[in-house]
């Protein structure tokens, strides 16, 4: 009896071929899956919680990294200005889920949070 298994939810992958009970397996910590087909190693600048946490947000960004969207499998980029890009940091209330302008610190916006927001100006490598 052949059984077709659909793709698993985000944060999980199918079990190895020949598994008696084909149940989706959670991605381990340090890996992620957007497509439910396979888990991939976490990217530089990313925190991949794996397991059930990965079904909500498979890939979070650490402070100092930026991504254009968290809805798809997009790359993470190191921010040129220290502190401009928010993300997961020790003791931080930030979740690391933010992307685009929402990932930028106050006074910054745009790609890599490298543009000063309205009412701010470039000064000393940042926006004041």
PDB file of N, CA and C in Angstrom:
ATOM      1  N   UNK A   1       0.844  -1.168   0.000  1.00  0.00           N
ATOM      2  CA  UNK A   1       0.000   0.000   0.000  1.00  0.00           C
ATOM      3  C   UNK A   1       0.893   1.236   0.000  1.00  0.00           C
ATOM      4  N   UNK A   2       0.812   2.043  -1.035  1.00  0.00           N
ATOM      5  CA  UNK A   2       1.603   3.265  -1.130  1.00  0.00           C
ATOM      6  C   UNK A   2       0.804   4.425  -0.569  1.00  0.00           C
ATOM      7  N   UNK A   3       1.478   5.246   0.221  1.00  0.00           N
ATOM      8  CA  UNK A   3       0.844   6.408   0.824  1.00  0.00           C
ATOM      9  C   UNK A   3       1.635   7.637   0.413  1.00  0.00           C
ATOM     10  N   UNK A   4       0.966   8.623  -0.153  1.00  0.00           N
ATOM     11  CA  UNK A   4       1.628   9.873  -0.531  1.00  0.00           C
ATOM     12  C   UNK A   4       1.639  10.792   0.677  1.00  0.00           C
ATOM     13  N   UNK A   5       2.797  11.363   0.983  1.00  0.00           N
ATOM     14  CA  UNK A   5       2.930  12.274   2.113  1.00  0.00           C
ATOM     15  C   UNK A   5       3.093  13.680   1.551  1.00  0.00           C
ATOM     16  N   UNK A   6       2.228  14.580   1.977  1.00  0.00           N
ATOM     17  CA  UNK A   6       2.319  15.972   1.551  1.00  0.00           C
ATOM     18  C   UNK A   6       3.483  16.639   2.284  1.00  0.00           C
ATOM     19  N   UNK A   7       3.868  17.796   1.833  1.00  0.00           N
ATOM     20  CA  UNK A   7       4.926  18.540   2.502  1.00  0.00           C
ATOM     21  C   UNK A   7       4.523  18.807   3.951  1.00  0.00           C
ATOM     22  N   UNK A   8       5.494  18.857   4.800  1.00  0.00           N
ATOM     23  CA  UNK A   8       5.264  19.122   6.225  1.00  0.00           C
ATOM     24  C   UNK A   8       5.092  20.621   6.460  1.00  0.00           C
ATOM     25  N   UNK A   9       4.618  21.019   7.641  1.00  0.00           N
ATOM     26  CA  UNK A   9       4.525  22.455   7.947  1.00  0.00           C
ATOM     27  C   UNK A   9       5.919  23.059   8.110  1.00  0.00           C
ATOM     28  N   UNK A  10       5.968  24.393   8.067  1.00  0.00           N
ATOM     29  CA  UNK A  10       7.234  25.095   8.299  1.00  0.00           C
ATOM     30  C   UNK A  10       7.865  24.597   9.588  1.00  0.00           C
ATOM     31  N   UNK A  11       9.185  24.500   9.601  1.00  0.00           N
ATOM     32  CA  UNK A  11       9.888  24.075  10.802  1.00  0.00           C
ATOM     33  C   UNK A  11       9.984  22.571  10.965  1.00  0.00           C
ATOM     34  N   UNK A  12       9.484  21.819   9.988  1.00  0.00           N
ATOM     35  CA  UNK A  12       9.527  20.355  10.042  1.00  0.00           C
ATOM     36  C   UNK A  12       9.931  19.795   8.685  1.00  0.00           C
ATOM     37  N   UNK A  13      10.297  18.511   8.678  1.00  0.00           N
ATOM     38  CA  UNK A  13      10.654  17.820   7.447  1.00  0.00           C
ATOM     39  C   UNK A  13      10.092  16.403   7.476  1.00  0.00           C
ATOM     40  N   UNK A  14       9.932  15.781   6.307  1.00  0.00           N
ATOM     41  CA  UNK A  14       9.428  14.400   6.277  1.00  0.00           C
ATOM     42  C   UNK A  14      10.418  13.439   6.938  1.00  0.00           C
ATOM     43  N   UNK A  15       9.933  12.304   7.429  1.00  0.00           N
ATOM     44  CA  UNK A  15      10.833  11.309   8.024  1.00  0.00           C
ATOM     45  C   UNK A  15      11.616  10.585   6.937  1.00  0.00           C
ATOM     46  N   UNK A  16      12.652   9.838   7.317  1.00  0.00           N
ATOM     47  CA  UNK A  16      13.411   9.070   6.318  1.00  0.00           C
ATOM     48  C   UNK A  16      12.508   8.076   5.583  1.00  0.00           C
ATOM     49  N   UNK A  17      12.867   7.755   4.359  1.00  0.00           N
ATOM     50  CA  UNK A  17      12.098   6.793   3.565  1.00  0.00           C
ATOM     51  C   UNK A  17      12.023   5.461   4.298  1.00  0.00           C
ATOM     52  N   UNK A  18      10.878   4.818   4.207  1.00  0.00           N
ATOM     53  CA  UNK A  18      10.689   3.522   4.826  1.00  0.00           C
ATOM     54  C   UNK A  18      10.244   3.578   6.268  1.00  0.00           C
ATOM     55  N   UNK A  19      10.034   4.772   6.806  1.00  0.00           N
ATOM     56  CA  UNK A  19       9.582   4.904   8.186  1.00  0.00           C
ATOM     57  C   UNK A  19       8.176   4.319   8.301  1.00  0.00           C
ATOM     58  N   UNK A  20       7.963   3.527   9.325  1.00  0.00           N
ATOM     59  CA  UNK A  20       6.690   2.837   9.495  1.00  0.00           C
ATOM     60  C   UNK A  20       5.534   3.821   9.677  1.00  0.00           C
ATOM     61  N   UNK A  21       5.716   4.816  10.510  1.00  0.00           N
ATOM     62  CA  UNK A  21       4.672   5.830  10.748  1.00  0.00           C
ATOM     63  C   UNK A  21       5.186   7.162  10.227  1.00  0.00           C
ATOM     64  N   UNK A  22       4.814   7.530   9.021  1.00  0.00           N
ATOM     65  CA  UNK A  22       5.365   8.760   8.420  1.00  0.00           C
ATOM     66  C   UNK A  22       4.812  10.035   9.059  1.00  0.00           C
ATOM     67  N   UNK A  23       5.488  10.479  10.086  1.00  0.00           N
ATOM     68  CA  UNK A  23       5.116  11.699  10.797  1.00  0.00           C
ATOM     69  C   UNK A  23       6.221  12.724  10.575  1.00  0.00           C
ATOM     70  N   UNK A  24       5.838  13.954  10.329  1.00  0.00           N
ATOM     71  CA  UNK A  24       6.822  15.014  10.105  1.00  0.00           C
ATOM     72  C   UNK A  24       7.717  15.172  11.337  1.00  0.00           C
ATOM     73  N   UNK A  25       9.008  15.382  11.077  1.00  0.00           N
ATOM     74  CA  UNK A  25      10.003  15.514  12.137  1.00  0.00           C
ATOM     75  C   UNK A  25      10.365  16.987  12.308  1.00  0.00           C
ATOM     76  N   UNK A  26      10.374  17.497  13.561  1.00  0.00           N
ATOM     77  CA  UNK A  26      10.786  18.889  13.784  1.00  0.00           C
ATOM     78  C   UNK A  26      12.246  19.094  13.386  1.00  0.00           C
ATOM     79  N   UNK A  27      12.550  20.245  12.816  1.00  0.00           N
ATOM     80  CA  UNK A  27      13.937  20.582  12.524  1.00  0.00           C
ATOM     81  C   UNK A  27      14.685  20.721  13.844  1.00  0.00           C
ATOM     82  N   UNK A  28      15.929  20.260  13.904  1.00  0.00           N
ATOM     83  CA  UNK A  28      16.696  20.425  15.139  1.00  0.00           C
ATOM     84  C   UNK A  28      17.116  21.883  15.328  1.00  0.00           C
ATOM     85  N   UNK A  29      17.450  22.237  16.573  1.00  0.00           N
ATOM     86  CA  UNK A  29      17.960  23.577  16.860  1.00  0.00           C
ATOM     87  C   UNK A  29      19.143  23.837  15.939  1.00  0.00           C
ATOM     88  N   UNK A  30      19.214  25.029  15.368  1.00  0.00           N
ATOM     89  CA  UNK A  30      20.303  25.382  14.457  1.00  0.00           C
ATOM     90  C   UNK A  30      19.987  25.104  13.002  1.00  0.00           C
ATOM     91  N   UNK A  31      18.722  24.734  12.721  1.00  0.00           N
ATOM     92  CA  UNK A  31      18.304  24.531  11.342  1.00  0.00           C
ATOM     93  C   UNK A  31      16.891  25.077  11.167  1.00  0.00           C
ATOM     94  N   UNK A  32      16.455  25.214   9.903  1.00  0.00           N
ATOM     95  CA  UNK A  32      15.138  25.770   9.621  1.00  0.00           C
ATOM     96  C   UNK A  32      14.564  25.137   8.369  1.00  0.00           C
ATOM     97  N   UNK A  33      13.262  25.292   8.193  1.00  0.00           N
ATOM     98  CA  UNK A  33      12.587  24.825   6.982  1.00  0.00           C
ATOM     99  C   UNK A  33      11.409  25.737   6.706  1.00  0.00           C
ATOM    100  N   UNK A  34      11.422  26.404   5.561  1.00  0.00           N
ATOM    101  CA  UNK A  34      10.275  27.202   5.143  1.00  0.00           C
ATOM    102  C   UNK A  34       9.325  26.363   4.297  1.00  0.00           C
ATOM    103  N   UNK A  35       9.888  25.376   3.586  1.00  0.00           N
ATOM    104  CA  UNK A  35       9.086  24.642   2.612  1.00  0.00           C
ATOM    105  C   UNK A  35       8.495  23.335   3.120  1.00  0.00           C
ATOM    106  N   UNK A  36       8.892  22.865   4.300  1.00  0.00           N
ATOM    107  CA  UNK A  36       8.374  21.615   4.820  1.00  0.00           C
ATOM    108  C   UNK A  36       8.903  20.398   4.091  1.00  0.00           C
ATOM    109  N   UNK A  37       9.952  20.585   3.289  1.00  0.00           N
ATOM    110  CA  UNK A  37      10.524  19.483   2.529  1.00  0.00           C
ATOM    111  C   UNK A  37      11.837  19.005   3.154  1.00  0.00           C
ATOM    112  N   UNK A  38      12.673  19.940   3.618  1.00  0.00           N
ATOM    113  CA  UNK A  38      13.922  19.562   4.261  1.00  0.00           C
ATOM    114  C   UNK A  38      14.393  20.683   5.181  1.00  0.00           C
ATOM    115  N   UNK A  39      15.151  20.315   6.203  1.00  0.00           N
ATOM    116  CA  UNK A  39      15.731  21.288   7.126  1.00  0.00           C
ATOM    117  C   UNK A  39      17.109  21.680   6.605  1.00  0.00           C
ATOM    118  N   UNK A  40      17.415  22.963   6.666  1.00  0.00           N
ATOM    119  CA  UNK A  40      18.705  23.475   6.200  1.00  0.00           C
ATOM    120  C   UNK A  40      19.447  24.086   7.388  1.00  0.00           C
ATOM    121  N   UNK A  41      20.783  24.082   7.361  1.00  0.00           N
ATOM    122  CA  UNK A  41      21.544  24.708   8.440  1.00  0.00           C
ATOM    123  C   UNK A  41      21.241  26.204   8.513  1.00  0.00           C
ATOM    124  N   UNK A  42      21.242  26.728   9.707  1.00  0.00           N
ATOM    125  CA  UNK A  42      20.968  28.148   9.912  1.00  0.00           C
ATOM    126  C   UNK A  42      22.032  28.987   9.208  1.00  0.00           C
ATOM    127  N   UNK A  43      21.618  30.139   8.728  1.00  0.00           N
ATOM    128  CA  UNK A  43      22.535  31.049   8.029  1.00  0.00           C
ATOM    129  C   UNK A  43      23.290  31.921   9.017  1.00  0.00           C
ATOM    130  N   UNK A  44      24.412  32.459   8.565  1.00  0.00           N
ATOM    131  CA  UNK A  44      25.159  33.408   9.392  1.00  0.00           C
ATOM    132  C   UNK A  44      24.247  34.577   9.735  1.00  0.00           C
ATOM    133  N   UNK A  45      24.245  34.968  10.992  1.00  0.00           N
ATOM    134  CA  UNK A  45      23.405  36.077  11.440  1.00  0.00           C
ATOM    135  C   UNK A  45      22.015  35.646  11.848  1.00  0.00           C
ATOM    136  N   UNK A  46      21.735  34.359  11.737  1.00  0.00           N
ATOM    137  CA  UNK A  46      20.400  33.871  12.070  1.00  0.00           C
ATOM    138  C   UNK A  46      20.384  33.003  13.305  1.00  0.00           C
ATOM    139  N   UNK A  47      19.249  32.975  13.948  1.00  0.00           N
ATOM    140  CA  UNK A  47      18.980  32.079  15.076  1.00  0.00           C
ATOM    141  C   UNK A  47      17.836  31.193  14.623  1.00  0.00           C
ATOM    142  N   UNK A  48      18.056  29.919  14.595  1.00  0.00           N
ATOM    143  CA  UNK A  48      17.046  28.961  14.145  1.00  0.00           C
ATOM    144  C   UNK A  48      16.648  28.087  15.321  1.00  0.00           C
ATOM    145  N   UNK A  49      15.457  28.351  15.894  1.00  0.00           N
ATOM    146  CA  UNK A  49      15.057  27.628  17.098  1.00  0.00           C
ATOM    147  C   UNK A  49      14.688  26.172  16.858  1.00  0.00           C
ATOM    148  N   UNK A  50      14.350  25.826  15.611  1.00  0.00           N
ATOM    149  CA  UNK A  50      13.955  24.451  15.317  1.00  0.00           C
ATOM    150  C   UNK A  50      12.674  24.067  16.028  1.00  0.00           C
ATOM    151  N   UNK A  51      12.257  22.832  15.876  1.00  0.00           N
ATOM    152  CA  UNK A  51      11.083  22.303  16.555  1.00  0.00           C
ATOM    153  C   UNK A  51       9.826  23.114  16.341  1.00  0.00           C
ATOM    154  N   UNK A  52       8.926  23.063  17.312  1.00  0.00           N
ATOM    155  CA  UNK A  52       7.648  23.756  17.207  1.00  0.00           C
ATOM    156  C   UNK A  52       7.826  25.264  17.083  1.00  0.00           C
ATOM    157  N   UNK A  53       8.865  25.812  17.717  1.00  0.00           N
ATOM    158  CA  UNK A  53       9.115  27.259  17.613  1.00  0.00           C
ATOM    159  C   UNK A  53       9.410  27.642  16.170  1.00  0.00           C
ATOM    160  N   UNK A  54      10.009  26.739  15.410  1.00  0.00           N
ATOM    161  CA  UNK A  54      10.342  27.002  14.019  1.00  0.00           C
ATOM    162  C   UNK A  54       9.144  27.006  13.094  1.00  0.00           C
ATOM    163  N   UNK A  55       8.004  26.509  13.553  1.00  0.00           N
ATOM    164  CA  UNK A  55       6.806  26.524  12.715  1.00  0.00           C
ATOM    165  C   UNK A  55       6.231  27.926  12.622  1.00  0.00           C
ATOM    166  N   UNK A  56       6.448  28.732  13.649  1.00  0.00           N
ATOM    167  CA  UNK A  56       5.972  30.106  13.641  1.00  0.00           C
ATOM    168  C   UNK A  56       6.966  30.996  12.907  1.00  0.00           C
ATOM    169  N   UNK A  57       8.196  31.016  13.348  1.00  0.00           N
ATOM    170  CA  UNK A  57       9.257  31.798  12.715  1.00  0.00           C
ATOM    171  C   UNK A  57      10.495  30.925  12.619  1.00  0.00           C
ATOM    172  N   UNK A  58      10.689  30.250  11.482  1.00  0.00           N
ATOM    173  CA  UNK A  58      11.812  29.330  11.357  1.00  0.00           C
ATOM    174  C   UNK A  58      13.184  29.981  11.510  1.00  0.00           C
ATOM    175  N   UNK A  59      13.296  31.235  11.081  1.00  0.00           N
ATOM    176  CA  UNK A  59      14.589  31.914  11.076  1.00  0.00           C
ATOM    177  C   UNK A  59      14.431  33.303  11.667  1.00  0.00           C
ATOM    178  N   UNK A  60      15.114  33.556  12.770  1.00  0.00           N
ATOM    179  CA  UNK A  60      15.123  34.876  13.394  1.00  0.00           C
ATOM    180  C   UNK A  60      16.474  35.511  13.085  1.00  0.00           C
ATOM    181  N   UNK A  61      16.561  36.822  13.200  1.00  0.00           N
ATOM    182  CA  UNK A  61      17.841  37.472  12.936  1.00  0.00           C
ATOM    183  C   UNK A  61      18.441  37.991  14.234  1.00  0.00           C
ATOM    184  N   UNK A  62      19.766  37.861  14.325  1.00  0.00           N
ATOM    185  CA  UNK A  62      20.481  38.421  15.465  1.00  0.00           C
ATOM    186  C   UNK A  62      20.617  39.920  15.263  1.00  0.00           C
ATOM    187  N   UNK A  63      20.838  40.644  16.363  1.00  0.00           N
ATOM    188  CA  UNK A  63      21.088  42.077  16.283  1.00  0.00           C
ATOM    189  C   UNK A  63      22.291  42.303  15.372  1.00  0.00           C
ATOM    190  N   UNK A  64      22.203  43.316  14.521  1.00  0.00           N
ATOM    191  CA  UNK A  64      23.282  43.616  13.587  1.00  0.00           C
ATOM    192  C   UNK A  64      23.085  42.998  12.219  1.00  0.00           C
ATOM    193  N   UNK A  65      21.966  42.267  12.038  1.00  0.00           N
ATOM    194  CA  UNK A  65      21.640  41.671  10.739  1.00  0.00           C
ATOM    195  C   UNK A  65      20.268  42.137  10.292  1.00  0.00           C
ATOM    196  N   UNK A  66      20.078  42.231   8.980  1.00  0.00           N
ATOM    197  CA  UNK A  66      18.844  42.740   8.385  1.00  0.00           C
ATOM    198  C   UNK A  66      18.382  41.807   7.279  1.00  0.00           C
ATOM    199  N   UNK A  67      17.075  41.721   7.103  1.00  0.00           N
ATOM    200  CA  UNK A  67      16.486  40.990   5.974  1.00  0.00           C
ATOM    201  C   UNK A  67      15.272  41.752   5.491  1.00  0.00           C
ATOM    202  N   UNK A  68      14.977  41.623   4.221  1.00  0.00           N
ATOM    203  CA  UNK A  68      13.901  42.406   3.628  1.00  0.00           C
ATOM    204  C   UNK A  68      12.527  41.896   4.033  1.00  0.00           C
ATOM    205  N   UNK A  69      12.409  40.607   4.313  1.00  0.00           N
ATOM    206  CA  UNK A  69      11.116  40.014   4.648  1.00  0.00           C
ATOM    207  C   UNK A  69      11.344  38.779   5.502  1.00  0.00           C
ATOM    208  N   UNK A  70      10.410  38.489   6.391  1.00  0.00           N
ATOM    209  CA  UNK A  70      10.511  37.240   7.142  1.00  0.00           C
ATOM    210  C   UNK A  70       9.456  36.244   6.679  1.00  0.00           C
ATOM    211  N   UNK A  71       8.760  36.583   5.599  1.00  0.00           N
ATOM    212  CA  UNK A  71       7.704  35.710   5.090  1.00  0.00           C
ATOM    213  C   UNK A  71       8.255  34.611   4.188  1.00  0.00           C
ATOM    214  N   UNK A  72       9.421  34.793   3.636  1.00  0.00           N
ATOM    215  CA  UNK A  72       9.995  33.805   2.731  1.00  0.00           C
ATOM    216  C   UNK A  72      11.448  33.552   3.092  1.00  0.00           C
ATOM    217  N   UNK A  73      12.046  32.640   2.401  1.00  0.00           N
ATOM    218  CA  UNK A  73      13.434  32.271   2.642  1.00  0.00           C
ATOM    219  C   UNK A  73      14.363  33.307   2.001  1.00  0.00           C
ATOM    220  N   UNK A  74      14.571  34.419   2.682  1.00  0.00           N
ATOM    221  CA  UNK A  74      15.416  35.497   2.156  1.00  0.00           C
ATOM    222  C   UNK A  74      16.732  35.548   2.932  1.00  0.00           C
ATOM    223  N   UNK A  75      17.795  36.029   2.302  1.00  0.00           N
ATOM    224  CA  UNK A  75      19.090  36.085   2.986  1.00  0.00           C
ATOM    225  C   UNK A  75      19.133  37.138   4.083  1.00  0.00           C
ATOM    226  N   UNK A  76      20.085  36.962   4.976  1.00  0.00           N
ATOM    227  CA  UNK A  76      20.374  37.930   6.034  1.00  0.00           C
ATOM    228  C   UNK A  76      21.621  38.703   5.628  1.00  0.00           C
ATOM    229  N   UNK A  77      21.631  39.995   5.905  1.00  0.00           N
ATOM    230  CA  UNK A  77      22.772  40.835   5.562  1.00  0.00           C
ATOM    231  C   UNK A  77      23.287  41.519   6.822  1.00  0.00           C
ATOM    232  N   UNK A  78      24.611  41.608   6.949  1.00  0.00           N
ATOM    233  CA  UNK A  78      25.214  42.301   8.085  1.00  0.00           C
ATOM    234  C   UNK A  78      25.010  43.804   7.882  1.00  0.00           C
ATOM    235  N   UNK A  79      24.545  44.477   8.916  1.00  0.00           N
ATOM    236  CA  UNK A  79      24.321  45.926   8.830  1.00  0.00           C
ATOM    237  C   UNK A  79      25.646  46.667   8.955  1.00  0.00           C
ATOM    238  N   UNK A  80      25.857  47.691   8.125  1.00  0.00           N
ATOM    239  CA  UNK A  80      27.124  48.416   8.170  1.00  0.00           C
ATOM    240  C   UNK A  80      27.261  49.297   9.409  1.00  0.00           C
ATOM    241  N   UNK A  81      26.159  49.814   9.940  1.00  0.00           N
ATOM    242  CA  UNK A  81      26.218  50.686  11.117  1.00  0.00           C
ATOM    243  C   UNK A  81      25.897  49.881  12.376  1.00  0.00           C
ATOM    244  N   UNK A  82      26.778  49.919  13.325  1.00  0.00           N
ATOM    245  CA  UNK A  82      26.586  49.194  14.578  1.00  0.00           C
ATOM    246  C   UNK A  82      25.330  49.681  15.297  1.00  0.00           C
ATOM    247  N   UNK A  83      24.480  48.785  15.654  1.00  0.00           N
ATOM    248  CA  UNK A  83      23.274  49.130  16.402  1.00  0.00           C
ATOM    249  C   UNK A  83      22.090  49.560  15.553  1.00  0.00           C
ATOM    250  N   UNK A  84      22.259  49.667  14.239  1.00  0.00           N
ATOM    251  CA  UNK A  84      21.153  50.127  13.389  1.00  0.00           C
ATOM    252  C   UNK A  84      20.092  49.049  13.199  1.00  0.00           C
ATOM    253  N   UNK A  85      20.502  47.788  13.184  1.00  0.00           N
ATOM    254  CA  UNK A  85      19.565  46.685  12.947  1.00  0.00           C
ATOM    255  C   UNK A  85      19.298  45.943  14.248  1.00  0.00           C
ATOM    256  N   UNK A  86      18.026  45.905  14.617  1.00  0.00           N
ATOM    257  CA  UNK A  86      17.627  45.210  15.835  1.00  0.00           C
ATOM    258  C   UNK A  86      17.462  43.726  15.533  1.00  0.00           C
ATOM    259  N   UNK A  87      17.424  42.934  16.553  1.00  0.00           N
ATOM    260  CA  UNK A  87      17.232  41.501  16.402  1.00  0.00           C
ATOM    261  C   UNK A  87      17.366  40.831  17.748  1.00  0.00           C
ATOM    262  N   UNK A  88      17.622  39.561  17.750  1.00  0.00           N
ATOM    263  CA  UNK A  88      17.768  38.797  18.979  1.00  0.00           C
ATOM    264  C   UNK A  88      19.123  39.128  19.595  1.00  0.00           C
ATOM    265  N   UNK A  89      19.123  39.536  20.839  1.00  0.00           N
ATOM    266  CA  UNK A  89      20.360  39.810  21.565  1.00  0.00           C
ATOM    267  C   UNK A  89      20.166  39.352  23.006  1.00  0.00           C
ATOM    268  N   UNK A  90      21.249  39.037  23.661  1.00  0.00           N
ATOM    269  CA  UNK A  90      21.170  38.592  25.047  1.00  0.00           C
ATOM    270  C   UNK A  90      20.474  39.663  25.892  1.00  0.00           C
ATOM    271  N   UNK A  91      19.434  39.284  26.612  1.00  0.00           N
ATOM    272  CA  UNK A  91      18.712  40.202  27.468  1.00  0.00           C
ATOM    273  C   UNK A  91      17.800  41.170  26.737  1.00  0.00           C
ATOM    274  N   UNK A  92      17.633  40.984  25.429  1.00  0.00           N
ATOM    275  CA  UNK A  92      16.819  41.887  24.626  1.00  0.00           C
ATOM    276  C   UNK A  92      15.354  41.465  24.636  1.00  0.00           C
ATOM    277  N   UNK A  93      14.478  42.444  24.542  1.00  0.00           N
ATOM    278  CA  UNK A  93      13.045  42.160  24.428  1.00  0.00           C
ATOM    279  C   UNK A  93      12.656  41.952  22.969  1.00  0.00           C
ATOM    280  N   UNK A  94      13.583  42.209  22.059  1.00  0.00           N
ATOM    281  CA  UNK A  94      13.311  42.034  20.643  1.00  0.00           C
ATOM    282  C   UNK A  94      13.163  40.553  20.324  1.00  0.00           C
ATOM    283  N   UNK A  95      12.268  40.238  19.424  1.00  0.00           N
ATOM    284  CA  UNK A  95      12.015  38.836  19.099  1.00  0.00           C
ATOM    285  C   UNK A  95      12.874  38.326  17.945  1.00  0.00           C
ATOM    286  N   UNK A  96      13.406  39.214  17.114  1.00  0.00           N
ATOM    287  CA  UNK A  96      14.155  38.785  15.942  1.00  0.00           C
ATOM    288  C   UNK A  96      13.263  38.462  14.756  1.00  0.00           C
ATOM    289  N   UNK A  97      11.944  38.658  14.925  1.00  0.00           N
ATOM    290  CA  UNK A  97      10.999  38.371  13.855  1.00  0.00           C
ATOM    291  C   UNK A  97      10.876  39.519  12.863  1.00  0.00           C
ATOM    292  N   UNK A  98      11.271  40.715  13.263  1.00  0.00           N
ATOM    293  CA  UNK A  98      11.070  41.894  12.425  1.00  0.00           C
ATOM    294  C   UNK A  98      11.937  41.841  11.174  1.00  0.00           C
ATOM    295  N   UNK A  99      11.434  42.480  10.120  1.00  0.00           N
ATOM    296  CA  UNK A  99      12.156  42.551   8.854  1.00  0.00           C
ATOM    297  C   UNK A  99      11.873  43.901   8.211  1.00  0.00           C
ATOM    298  N   UNK A 100      12.685  44.266   7.227  1.00  0.00           N
ATOM    299  CA  UNK A 100      12.506  45.547   6.553  1.00  0.00           C
ATOM    300  C   UNK A 100      12.693  46.692   7.526  1.00  0.00           C
ATOM    301  N   UNK A 101      11.925  47.768   7.351  1.00  0.00           N
ATOM    302  CA  UNK A 101      12.043  48.936   8.230  1.00  0.00           C
ATOM    303  C   UNK A 101      11.722  48.602   9.687  1.00  0.00           C
ATOM    304  N   UNK A 102      10.885  47.610   9.934  1.00  0.00           N
ATOM    305  CA  UNK A 102      10.523  47.230  11.306  1.00  0.00           C
ATOM    306  C   UNK A 102      11.720  46.673  12.074  1.00  0.00           C
ATOM    307  N   UNK A 103      12.759  46.247  11.369  1.00  0.00           N
ATOM    308  CA  UNK A 103      13.953  45.716  12.016  1.00  0.00           C
ATOM    309  C   UNK A 103      14.968  46.807  12.318  1.00  0.00           C
ATOM    310  N   UNK A 104      14.677  48.034  11.915  1.00  0.00           N
ATOM    311  CA  UNK A 104      15.620  49.132  12.086  1.00  0.00           C
ATOM    312  C   UNK A 104      15.432  49.836  13.427  1.00  0.00           C
ATOM    313  N   UNK A 105      16.547  50.277  14.002  1.00  0.00           N
ATOM    314  CA  UNK A 105      16.509  51.047  15.243  1.00  0.00           C
ATOM    315  C   UNK A 105      15.896  52.416  14.972  1.00  0.00           C
ATOM    316  N   UNK A 106      15.470  53.074  16.025  1.00  0.00           N
ATOM    317  CA  UNK A 106      14.861  54.402  15.902  1.00  0.00           C
ATOM    318  C   UNK A 106      15.782  55.339  15.128  1.00  0.00           C
ATOM    319  N   UNK A 107      15.232  56.067  14.188  1.00  0.00           N
ATOM    320  CA  UNK A 107      15.974  57.033  13.393  1.00  0.00           C
ATOM    321  C   UNK A 107      16.557  56.475  12.108  1.00  0.00           C
ATOM    322  N   UNK A 108      16.412  55.165  11.900  1.00  0.00           N
ATOM    323  CA  UNK A 108      16.941  54.567  10.677  1.00  0.00           C
ATOM    324  C   UNK A 108      15.831  53.837   9.920  1.00  0.00           C
ATOM    325  N   UNK A 109      16.058  53.613   8.632  1.00  0.00           N
ATOM    326  CA  UNK A 109      15.105  52.891   7.793  1.00  0.00           C
ATOM    327  C   UNK A 109      15.822  52.407   6.547  1.00  0.00           C
ATOM    328  N   UNK A 110      15.092  51.734   5.681  1.00  0.00           N
ATOM    329  CA  UNK A 110      15.612  51.328   4.379  1.00  0.00           C
ATOM    330  C   UNK A 110      16.479  50.087   4.419  1.00  0.00           C
ATOM    331  N   UNK A 111      17.009  49.707   3.244  1.00  0.00           N
ATOM    332  CA  UNK A 111      17.870  48.534   3.172  1.00  0.00           C
ATOM    333  C   UNK A 111      19.053  48.650   4.131  1.00  0.00           C
ATOM    334  N   UNK A 112      19.280  47.600   4.885  1.00  0.00           N
ATOM    335  CA  UNK A 112      20.354  47.530   5.879  1.00  0.00           C
ATOM    336  C   UNK A 112      20.238  48.620   6.943  1.00  0.00           C
ATOM    337  N   UNK A 113      19.060  49.229   7.056  1.00  0.00           N
ATOM    338  CA  UNK A 113      18.823  50.309   8.029  1.00  0.00           C
ATOM    339  C   UNK A 113      19.874  51.406   7.872  1.00  0.00           C
ATOM    340  N   UNK A 114      20.292  51.652   6.641  1.00  0.00           N
ATOM    341  CA  UNK A 114      21.384  52.574   6.356  1.00  0.00           C
ATOM    342  C   UNK A 114      20.921  53.971   5.955  1.00  0.00           C
ATOM    343  N   UNK A 115      19.607  54.213   5.964  1.00  0.00           N
ATOM    344  CA  UNK A 115      19.064  55.524   5.598  1.00  0.00           C
ATOM    345  C   UNK A 115      18.500  56.161   6.859  1.00  0.00           C
ATOM    346  N   UNK A 116      18.744  57.447   7.009  1.00  0.00           N
ATOM    347  CA  UNK A 116      18.172  58.150   8.166  1.00  0.00           C
ATOM    348  C   UNK A 116      16.691  58.414   7.919  1.00  0.00           C
ATOM    349  N   UNK A 117      15.888  58.185   8.937  1.00  0.00           N
ATOM    350  CA  UNK A 117      14.450  58.443   8.861  1.00  0.00           C
ATOM    351  C   UNK A 117      14.209  59.948   8.814  1.00  0.00           C
ATOM    352  N   UNK A 118      13.012  60.330   8.421  1.00  0.00           N
ATOM    353  CA  UNK A 118      12.647  61.746   8.358  1.00  0.00           C
ATOM    354  C   UNK A 118      12.878  62.396   9.725  1.00  0.00           C
ATOM    355  N   UNK A 119      13.515  63.568   9.706  1.00  0.00           N
ATOM    356  CA  UNK A 119      13.808  64.297  10.938  1.00  0.00           C
ATOM    357  C   UNK A 119      15.131  63.899  11.568  1.00  0.00           C
ATOM    358  N   UNK A 120      15.853  62.959  10.982  1.00  0.00           N
ATOM    359  CA  UNK A 120      17.163  62.543  11.491  1.00  0.00           C
ATOM    360  C   UNK A 120      18.232  62.860  10.447  1.00  0.00           C
ATOM    361  N   UNK A 121      19.496  62.933  10.894  1.00  0.00           N
ATOM    362  CA  UNK A 121      20.590  63.236   9.978  1.00  0.00           C
ATOM    363  C   UNK A 121      21.777  62.354  10.305  1.00  0.00           C
ATOM    364  N   UNK A 122      22.650  62.115   9.321  1.00  0.00           N
ATOM    365  CA  UNK A 122      23.853  61.305   9.520  1.00  0.00           C
ATOM    366  C   UNK A 122      24.832  62.056  10.408  1.00  0.00           C
ATOM    367  N   UNK A 123      25.344  61.327  11.416  1.00  0.00           N
ATOM    368  CA  UNK A 123      26.335  61.927  12.308  1.00  0.00           C
ATOM    369  C   UNK A 123      27.106  60.804  12.988  1.00  0.00           C
ATOM    370  N   UNK A 124      28.425  60.822  12.844  1.00  0.00           N
ATOM    371  CA  UNK A 124      29.269  59.850  13.529  1.00  0.00           C
ATOM    372  C   UNK A 124      28.954  58.398  13.201  1.00  0.00           C
ATOM    373  N   UNK A 125      28.599  58.109  11.967  1.00  0.00           N
ATOM    374  CA  UNK A 125      28.319  56.740  11.567  1.00  0.00           C
ATOM    375  C   UNK A 125      26.924  56.273  11.895  1.00  0.00           C
ATOM    376  N   UNK A 126      26.088  57.147  12.395  1.00  0.00           N
ATOM    377  CA  UNK A 126      24.704  56.784  12.721  1.00  0.00           C
ATOM    378  C   UNK A 126      23.762  57.906  12.371  1.00  0.00           C
ATOM    379  N   UNK A 127      22.530  57.805  12.826  1.00  0.00           N
ATOM    380  CA  UNK A 127      21.531  58.833  12.580  1.00  0.00           C
ATOM    381  C   UNK A 127      21.141  59.476  13.904  1.00  0.00           C
ATOM    382  N   UNK A 128      21.179  60.792  13.934  1.00  0.00           N
ATOM    383  CA  UNK A 128      20.838  61.550  15.154  1.00  0.00           C
ATOM    384  C   UNK A 128      19.645  62.447  14.883  1.00  0.00           C
TER     385      UNK A 128
END
